[in-house]
Amino acid sequence: MTDTPVEQMTFEQAMKELEAVVGQLERGDVALDQSIALYERGAALKKRCEDELKRAEEKVAAITLDADGQPTGTTPVDSK
């Protein structure tokens, strides 16, 4: 696990750490308190990944196409 706050991670960073957390939990070789902390971190990482995917989907959906199917620009999307 890294010390990087989850909300500052890129999608790729969060996904990589989430995979590591899941691996540790699946092995079951950590103490109960550490398992709980890992589960909480994993839940936060999962939410970060979902939020980043949603943001990317909104950006893709905002791209407008011309009659030939070529991108002509984007429509601003409210970011949170």
PDB file of N, CA and C in Angstrom:
ATOM      1  N   MET A   1       0.840  -1.180   0.000  1.00  0.00           N
ATOM      2  CA  MET A   1       0.000   0.000   0.000  1.00  0.00           C
ATOM      3  C   MET A   1       0.880   1.238   0.000  1.00  0.00           C
ATOM      4  N   THR A   2       0.364   2.258  -0.651  1.00  0.00           N
ATOM      5  CA  THR A   2       1.095   3.521  -0.684  1.00  0.00           C
ATOM      6  C   THR A   2       0.495   4.475   0.331  1.00  0.00           C
ATOM      7  N   ASP A   3       1.186   5.567   0.556  1.00  0.00           N
ATOM      8  CA  ASP A   3       0.681   6.597   1.459  1.00  0.00           C
ATOM      9  C   ASP A   3      -0.097   7.666   0.703  1.00  0.00           C
ATOM     10  N   THR A   4      -0.189   7.521  -0.621  1.00  0.00           N
ATOM     11  CA  THR A   4      -0.893   8.502  -1.438  1.00  0.00           C
ATOM     12  C   THR A   4      -2.373   8.503  -1.078  1.00  0.00           C
ATOM     13  N   PRO A   5      -2.939   9.689  -0.786  1.00  0.00           N
ATOM     14  CA  PRO A   5      -4.380   9.734  -0.522  1.00  0.00           C
ATOM     15  C   PRO A   5      -5.152   9.233  -1.741  1.00  0.00           C
ATOM     16  N   VAL A   6      -6.173   8.444  -1.502  1.00  0.00           N
ATOM     17  CA  VAL A   6      -6.944   7.838  -2.588  1.00  0.00           C
ATOM     18  C   VAL A   6      -7.486   8.881  -3.544  1.00  0.00           C
ATOM     19  N   GLU A   7      -7.956  10.002  -3.007  1.00  0.00           N
ATOM     20  CA  GLU A   7      -8.564  11.029  -3.867  1.00  0.00           C
ATOM     21  C   GLU A   7      -7.559  11.707  -4.789  1.00  0.00           C
ATOM     22  N   GLN A   8      -6.265  11.496  -4.568  1.00  0.00           N
ATOM     23  CA  GLN A   8      -5.236  12.079  -5.436  1.00  0.00           C
ATOM     24  C   GLN A   8      -4.688  11.073  -6.455  1.00  0.00           C
ATOM     25  N   MET A   9      -5.156   9.838  -6.395  1.00  0.00           N
ATOM     26  CA  MET A   9      -4.648   8.798  -7.290  1.00  0.00           C
ATOM     27  C   MET A   9      -5.282   8.873  -8.665  1.00  0.00           C
ATOM     28  N   THR A  10      -4.497   8.476  -9.658  1.00  0.00           N
ATOM     29  CA  THR A  10      -5.051   8.293 -10.986  1.00  0.00           C
ATOM     30  C   THR A  10      -5.837   6.986 -10.984  1.00  0.00           C
ATOM     31  N   PHE A  11      -6.597   6.765 -12.036  1.00  0.00           N
ATOM     32  CA  PHE A  11      -7.331   5.505 -12.162  1.00  0.00           C
ATOM     33  C   PHE A  11      -6.361   4.331 -12.105  1.00  0.00           C
ATOM     34  N   GLU A  12      -5.280   4.433 -12.851  1.00  0.00           N
ATOM     35  CA  GLU A  12      -4.320   3.337 -12.932  1.00  0.00           C
ATOM     36  C   GLU A  12      -3.673   3.043 -11.580  1.00  0.00           C
ATOM     37  N   GLN A  13      -3.317   4.089 -10.847  1.00  0.00           N
ATOM     38  CA  GLN A  13      -2.726   3.898  -9.520  1.00  0.00           C
ATOM     39  C   GLN A  13      -3.718   3.218  -8.574  1.00  0.00           C
ATOM     40  N   ALA A  14      -4.954   3.710  -8.588  1.00  0.00           N
ATOM     41  CA  ALA A  14      -5.979   3.154  -7.698  1.00  0.00           C
ATOM     42  C   ALA A  14      -6.270   1.701  -8.048  1.00  0.00           C
ATOM     43  N   MET A  15      -6.326   1.399  -9.336  1.00  0.00           N
ATOM     44  CA  MET A  15      -6.609   0.029  -9.762  1.00  0.00           C
ATOM     45  C   MET A  15      -5.483  -0.918  -9.354  1.00  0.00           C
ATOM     46  N   LYS A  16      -4.254  -0.486  -9.529  1.00  0.00           N
ATOM     47  CA  LYS A  16      -3.105  -1.313  -9.174  1.00  0.00           C
ATOM     48  C   LYS A  16      -3.098  -1.597  -7.667  1.00  0.00           C
ATOM     49  N   GLU A  17      -3.342  -0.570  -6.871  1.00  0.00           N
ATOM     50  CA  GLU A  17      -3.357  -0.775  -5.422  1.00  0.00           C
ATOM     51  C   GLU A  17      -4.555  -1.621  -5.006  1.00  0.00           C
ATOM     52  N   LEU A  18      -5.695  -1.427  -5.655  1.00  0.00           N
ATOM     53  CA  LEU A  18      -6.869  -2.244  -5.350  1.00  0.00           C
ATOM     54  C   LEU A  18      -6.581  -3.716  -5.602  1.00  0.00           C
ATOM     55  N   GLU A  19      -5.909  -4.011  -6.689  1.00  0.00           N
ATOM     56  CA  GLU A  19      -5.535  -5.401  -6.993  1.00  0.00           C
ATOM     57  C   GLU A  19      -4.628  -5.969  -5.893  1.00  0.00           C
ATOM     58  N   ALA A  20      -3.698  -5.149  -5.404  1.00  0.00           N
ATOM     59  CA  ALA A  20      -2.801  -5.597  -4.332  1.00  0.00           C
ATOM     60  C   ALA A  20      -3.583  -5.846  -3.045  1.00  0.00           C
ATOM     61  N   VAL A  21      -4.527  -4.972  -2.733  1.00  0.00           N
ATOM     62  CA  VAL A  21      -5.352  -5.127  -1.531  1.00  0.00           C
ATOM     63  C   VAL A  21      -6.167  -6.413  -1.616  1.00  0.00           C
ATOM     64  N   VAL A  22      -6.801  -6.638  -2.747  1.00  0.00           N
ATOM     65  CA  VAL A  22      -7.600  -7.846  -2.935  1.00  0.00           C
ATOM     66  C   VAL A  22      -6.720  -9.086  -2.786  1.00  0.00           C
ATOM     67  N   GLY A  23      -5.524  -9.048  -3.342  1.00  0.00           N
ATOM     68  CA  GLY A  23      -4.604 -10.174  -3.222  1.00  0.00           C
ATOM     69  C   GLY A  23      -4.270 -10.481  -1.774  1.00  0.00           C
ATOM     70  N   GLN A  24      -3.995  -9.438  -0.993  1.00  0.00           N
ATOM     71  CA  GLN A  24      -3.687  -9.639   0.420  1.00  0.00           C
ATOM     72  C   GLN A  24      -4.890 -10.220   1.168  1.00  0.00           C
ATOM     73  N   LEU A  25      -6.063  -9.694   0.893  1.00  0.00           N
ATOM     74  CA  LEU A  25      -7.260 -10.194   1.574  1.00  0.00           C
ATOM     75  C   LEU A  25      -7.561 -11.638   1.181  1.00  0.00           C
ATOM     76  N   GLU A  26      -7.358 -11.979  -0.087  1.00  0.00           N
ATOM     77  CA  GLU A  26      -7.621 -13.346  -0.539  1.00  0.00           C
ATOM     78  C   GLU A  26      -6.654 -14.350   0.090  1.00  0.00           C
ATOM     79  N   ARG A  27      -5.405 -13.941   0.297  1.00  0.00           N
ATOM     80  CA  ARG A  27      -4.436 -14.841   0.921  1.00  0.00           C
ATOM     81  C   ARG A  27      -4.810 -15.133   2.368  1.00  0.00           C
ATOM     82  N   GLY A  28      -5.432 -14.158   3.029  1.00  0.00           N
ATOM     83  CA  GLY A  28      -5.882 -14.360   4.402  1.00  0.00           C
ATOM     84  C   GLY A  28      -4.759 -14.470   5.411  1.00  0.00           C
ATOM     85  N   ASP A  29      -3.594 -13.942   5.067  1.00  0.00           N
ATOM     86  CA  ASP A  29      -2.464 -14.061   5.985  1.00  0.00           C
ATOM     87  C   ASP A  29      -2.189 -12.775   6.760  1.00  0.00           C
ATOM     88  N   VAL A  30      -3.217 -11.952   6.936  1.00  0.00           N
ATOM     89  CA  VAL A  30      -3.066 -10.717   7.699  1.00  0.00           C
ATOM     90  C   VAL A  30      -3.974 -10.764   8.922  1.00  0.00           C
ATOM     91  N   ALA A  31      -3.577 -10.042   9.954  1.00  0.00           N
ATOM     92  CA  ALA A  31      -4.351  -9.995  11.193  1.00  0.00           C
ATOM     93  C   ALA A  31      -5.713  -9.340  10.934  1.00  0.00           C
ATOM     94  N   LEU A  32      -6.644  -9.608  11.809  1.00  0.00           N
ATOM     95  CA  LEU A  32      -8.015  -9.096  11.662  1.00  0.00           C
ATOM     96  C   LEU A  32      -8.036  -7.579  11.545  1.00  0.00           C
ATOM     97  N   ASP A  33      -7.322  -6.881  12.417  1.00  0.00           N
ATOM     98  CA  ASP A  33      -7.308  -5.409  12.352  1.00  0.00           C
ATOM     99  C   ASP A  33      -6.765  -4.914  11.024  1.00  0.00           C
ATOM    100  N   GLN A  34      -5.721  -5.568  10.537  1.00  0.00           N
ATOM    101  CA  GLN A  34      -5.149  -5.176   9.250  1.00  0.00           C
ATOM    102  C   GLN A  34      -6.111  -5.517   8.118  1.00  0.00           C
ATOM    103  N   SER A  35      -6.827  -6.616   8.240  1.00  0.00           N
ATOM    104  CA  SER A  35      -7.817  -6.987   7.222  1.00  0.00           C
ATOM    105  C   SER A  35      -8.909  -5.931   7.125  1.00  0.00           C
ATOM    106  N   ILE A  36      -9.343  -5.431   8.271  1.00  0.00           N
ATOM    107  CA  ILE A  36     -10.381  -4.396   8.286  1.00  0.00           C
ATOM    108  C   ILE A  36      -9.862  -3.124   7.623  1.00  0.00           C
ATOM    109  N   ALA A  37      -8.635  -2.739   7.958  1.00  0.00           N
ATOM    110  CA  ALA A  37      -8.037  -1.549   7.350  1.00  0.00           C
ATOM    111  C   ALA A  37      -7.884  -1.730   5.838  1.00  0.00           C
ATOM    112  N   LEU A  38      -7.454  -2.926   5.427  1.00  0.00           N
ATOM    113  CA  LEU A  38      -7.321  -3.210   3.997  1.00  0.00           C
ATOM    114  C   LEU A  38      -8.671  -3.145   3.300  1.00  0.00           C
ATOM    115  N   TYR A  39      -9.701  -3.697   3.927  1.00  0.00           N
ATOM    116  CA  TYR A  39     -11.037  -3.678   3.339  1.00  0.00           C
ATOM    117  C   TYR A  39     -11.519  -2.238   3.162  1.00  0.00           C
ATOM    118  N   GLU A  40     -11.297  -1.403   4.179  1.00  0.00           N
ATOM    119  CA  GLU A  40     -11.708   0.003   4.094  1.00  0.00           C
ATOM    120  C   GLU A  40     -10.957   0.721   2.976  1.00  0.00           C
ATOM    121  N   ARG A  41      -9.653   0.466   2.887  1.00  0.00           N
ATOM    122  CA  ARG A  41      -8.844   1.082   1.820  1.00  0.00           C
ATOM    123  C   ARG A  41      -9.334   0.587   0.459  1.00  0.00           C
ATOM    124  N   GLY A  42      -9.620  -0.700   0.367  1.00  0.00           N
ATOM    125  CA  GLY A  42     -10.121  -1.268  -0.874  1.00  0.00           C
ATOM    126  C   GLY A  42     -11.440  -0.647  -1.310  1.00  0.00           C
ATOM    127  N   ALA A  43     -12.329  -0.412  -0.349  1.00  0.00           N
ATOM    128  CA  ALA A  43     -13.619   0.212  -0.666  1.00  0.00           C
ATOM    129  C   ALA A  43     -13.403   1.626  -1.211  1.00  0.00           C
ATOM    130  N   ALA A  44     -12.483   2.369  -0.602  1.00  0.00           N
ATOM    131  CA  ALA A  44     -12.190   3.727  -1.072  1.00  0.00           C
ATOM    132  C   ALA A  44     -11.556   3.690  -2.467  1.00  0.00           C
ATOM    133  N   LEU A  45     -10.661   2.731  -2.691  1.00  0.00           N
ATOM    134  CA  LEU A  45     -10.030   2.599  -4.007  1.00  0.00           C
ATOM    135  C   LEU A  45     -11.050   2.230  -5.073  1.00  0.00           C
ATOM    136  N   LYS A  46     -11.971   1.339  -4.744  1.00  0.00           N
ATOM    137  CA  LYS A  46     -13.024   0.939  -5.684  1.00  0.00           C
ATOM    138  C   LYS A  46     -13.871   2.142  -6.072  1.00  0.00           C
ATOM    139  N   LYS A  47     -14.242   2.955  -5.082  1.00  0.00           N
ATOM    140  CA  LYS A  47     -15.044   4.141  -5.362  1.00  0.00           C
ATOM    141  C   LYS A  47     -14.270   5.109  -6.249  1.00  0.00           C
ATOM    142  N   ARG A  48     -12.976   5.274  -5.980  1.00  0.00           N
ATOM    143  CA  ARG A  48     -12.148   6.166  -6.804  1.00  0.00           C
ATOM    144  C   ARG A  48     -12.134   5.695  -8.256  1.00  0.00           C
ATOM    145  N   CYS A  49     -11.964   4.402  -8.461  1.00  0.00           N
ATOM    146  CA  CYS A  49     -11.968   3.849  -9.825  1.00  0.00           C
ATOM    147  C   CYS A  49     -13.310   4.089 -10.502  1.00  0.00           C
ATOM    148  N   GLU A  50     -14.399   3.843  -9.770  1.00  0.00           N
ATOM    149  CA  GLU A  50     -15.730   4.063 -10.343  1.00  0.00           C
ATOM    150  C   GLU A  50     -15.938   5.523 -10.711  1.00  0.00           C
ATOM    151  N   ASP A  51     -15.514   6.441  -9.832  1.00  0.00           N
ATOM    152  CA  ASP A  51     -15.664   7.874 -10.101  1.00  0.00           C
ATOM    153  C   ASP A  51     -14.858   8.299 -11.325  1.00  0.00           C
ATOM    154  N   GLU A  52     -13.627   7.787 -11.439  1.00  0.00           N
ATOM    155  CA  GLU A  52     -12.787   8.139 -12.586  1.00  0.00           C
ATOM    156  C   GLU A  52     -13.363   7.572 -13.886  1.00  0.00           C
ATOM    157  N   LEU A  53     -13.906   6.357 -13.841  1.00  0.00           N
ATOM    158  CA  LEU A  53     -14.540   5.786 -15.037  1.00  0.00           C
ATOM    159  C   LEU A  53     -15.759   6.600 -15.452  1.00  0.00           C
ATOM    160  N   LYS A  54     -16.546   7.025 -14.478  1.00  0.00           N
ATOM    161  CA  LYS A  54     -17.736   7.825 -14.780  1.00  0.00           C
ATOM    162  C   LYS A  54     -17.332   9.150 -15.413  1.00  0.00           C
ATOM    163  N   ARG A  55     -16.283   9.771 -14.870  1.00  0.00           N
ATOM    164  CA  ARG A  55     -15.801  11.037 -15.421  1.00  0.00           C
ATOM    165  C   ARG A  55     -15.334  10.855 -16.862  1.00  0.00           C
ATOM    166  N   ALA A  56     -14.634   9.770 -17.130  1.00  0.00           N
ATOM    167  CA  ALA A  56     -14.163   9.501 -18.487  1.00  0.00           C
ATOM    168  C   ALA A  56     -15.333   9.239 -19.433  1.00  0.00           C
ATOM    169  N   GLU A  57     -16.328   8.486 -18.968  1.00  0.00           N
ATOM    170  CA  GLU A  57     -17.510   8.209 -19.795  1.00  0.00           C
ATOM    171  C   GLU A  57     -18.248   9.493 -20.133  1.00  0.00           C
ATOM    172  N   GLU A  58     -18.337  10.419 -19.169  1.00  0.00           N
ATOM    173  CA  GLU A  58     -19.006  11.688 -19.422  1.00  0.00           C
ATOM    174  C   GLU A  58     -18.252  12.504 -20.457  1.00  0.00           C
ATOM    175  N   LYS A  59     -16.925  12.473 -20.400  1.00  0.00           N
ATOM    176  CA  LYS A  59     -16.132  13.193 -21.394  1.00  0.00           C
ATOM    177  C   LYS A  59     -16.352  12.611 -22.786  1.00  0.00           C
ATOM    178  N   VAL A  60     -16.361  11.286 -22.887  1.00  0.00           N
ATOM    179  CA  VAL A  60     -16.563  10.630 -24.177  1.00  0.00           C
ATOM    180  C   VAL A  60     -17.968  10.947 -24.698  1.00  0.00           C
ATOM    181  N   ALA A  61     -18.956  10.914 -23.829  1.00  0.00           N
ATOM    182  CA  ALA A  61     -20.332  11.195 -24.236  1.00  0.00           C
ATOM    183  C   ALA A  61     -20.496  12.636 -24.698  1.00  0.00           C
ATOM    184  N   ALA A  62     -19.645  13.536 -24.223  1.00  0.00           N
ATOM    185  CA  ALA A  62     -19.764  14.949 -24.568  1.00  0.00           C
ATOM    186  C   ALA A  62     -19.145  15.286 -25.922  1.00  0.00           C
ATOM    187  N   ILE A  63     -18.410  14.363 -26.521  1.00  0.00           N
ATOM    188  CA  ILE A  63     -17.792  14.629 -27.821  1.00  0.00           C
ATOM    189  C   ILE A  63     -18.894  14.652 -28.877  1.00  0.00           C
ATOM    190  N   THR A  64     -18.918  15.727 -29.646  1.00  0.00           N
ATOM    191  CA  THR A  64     -19.919  15.841 -30.708  1.00  0.00           C
ATOM    192  C   THR A  64     -19.293  15.419 -32.034  1.00  0.00           C
ATOM    193  N   LEU A  65     -20.104  14.812 -32.886  1.00  0.00           N
ATOM    194  CA  LEU A  65     -19.628  14.333 -34.187  1.00  0.00           C
ATOM    195  C   LEU A  65     -20.329  15.097 -35.300  1.00  0.00           C
ATOM    196  N   ASP A  66     -19.609  15.304 -36.415  1.00  0.00           N
ATOM    197  CA  ASP A  66     -20.230  15.940 -37.569  1.00  0.00           C
ATOM    198  C   ASP A  66     -20.939  14.878 -38.418  1.00  0.00           C
ATOM    199  N   ALA A  67     -21.451  15.267 -39.570  1.00  0.00           N
ATOM    200  CA  ALA A  67     -22.209  14.351 -40.425  1.00  0.00           C
ATOM    201  C   ALA A  67     -21.372  13.167 -40.891  1.00  0.00           C
ATOM    202  N   ASP A  68     -20.064  13.331 -40.964  1.00  0.00           N
ATOM    203  CA  ASP A  68     -19.174  12.251 -41.393  1.00  0.00           C
ATOM    204  C   ASP A  68     -18.700  11.391 -40.216  1.00  0.00           C
ATOM    205  N   GLY A  69     -19.183  11.703 -39.031  1.00  0.00           N
ATOM    206  CA  GLY A  69     -18.790  10.934 -37.852  1.00  0.00           C
ATOM    207  C   GLY A  69     -17.462  11.360 -37.262  1.00  0.00           C
ATOM    208  N   GLN A  70     -16.976  12.538 -37.673  1.00  0.00           N
ATOM    209  CA  GLN A  70     -15.700  13.039 -37.149  1.00  0.00           C
ATOM    210  C   GLN A  70     -15.955  13.955 -35.950  1.00  0.00           C
ATOM    211  N   PRO A  71     -15.109  13.880 -34.944  1.00  0.00           N
ATOM    212  CA  PRO A  71     -15.283  14.764 -33.781  1.00  0.00           C
ATOM    213  C   PRO A  71     -15.152  16.219 -34.190  1.00  0.00           C
ATOM    214  N   THR A  72     -16.057  17.043 -33.718  1.00  0.00           N
ATOM    215  CA  THR A  72     -16.026  18.469 -34.039  1.00  0.00           C
ATOM    216  C   THR A  72     -15.693  19.304 -32.814  1.00  0.00           C
ATOM    217  N   GLY A  73     -15.680  18.732 -31.686  1.00  0.00           N
ATOM    218  CA  GLY A  73     -15.415  19.454 -30.447  1.00  0.00           C
ATOM    219  C   GLY A  73     -16.088  18.737 -29.297  1.00  0.00           C
ATOM    220  N   THR A  74     -16.041  19.359 -28.189  1.00  0.00           N
ATOM    221  CA  THR A  74     -16.691  18.756 -27.029  1.00  0.00           C
ATOM    222  C   THR A  74     -17.654  19.741 -26.410  1.00  0.00           C
ATOM    223  N   THR A  75     -18.614  19.187 -25.763  1.00  0.00           N
ATOM    224  CA  THR A  75     -19.565  19.969 -25.007  1.00  0.00           C
ATOM    225  C   THR A  75     -19.095  19.950 -23.560  1.00  0.00           C
ATOM    226  N   PRO A  76     -18.962  21.118 -22.930  1.00  0.00           N
ATOM    227  CA  PRO A  76     -18.492  21.121 -21.537  1.00  0.00           C
ATOM    228  C   PRO A  76     -19.371  20.248 -20.644  1.00  0.00           C
ATOM    229  N   VAL A  77     -18.717  19.527 -19.771  1.00  0.00           N
ATOM    230  CA  VAL A  77     -19.411  18.673 -18.809  1.00  0.00           C
ATOM    231  C   VAL A  77     -19.116  19.230 -17.432  1.00  0.00           C
ATOM    232  N   ASP A  78     -20.147  19.405 -16.631  1.00  0.00           N
ATOM    233  CA  ASP A  78     -19.938  19.869 -15.257  1.00  0.00           C
ATOM    234  C   ASP A  78     -19.105  18.853 -14.513  1.00  0.00           C
ATOM    235  N   SER A  79     -17.988  19.288 -13.965  1.00  0.00           N
ATOM    236  CA  SER A  79     -17.164  18.370 -13.168  1.00  0.00           C
ATOM    237  C   SER A  79     -17.434  18.640 -11.706  1.00  0.00           C
ATOM    238  N   LYS A  80     -17.258  17.580 -10.929  1.00  0.00           N
ATOM    239  CA  LYS A  80     -17.526  17.684  -9.498  1.00  0.00           C
ATOM    240  C   LYS A  80     -16.234  17.736  -8.750  1.00  0.00           C
TER     241      LYS A  80
END
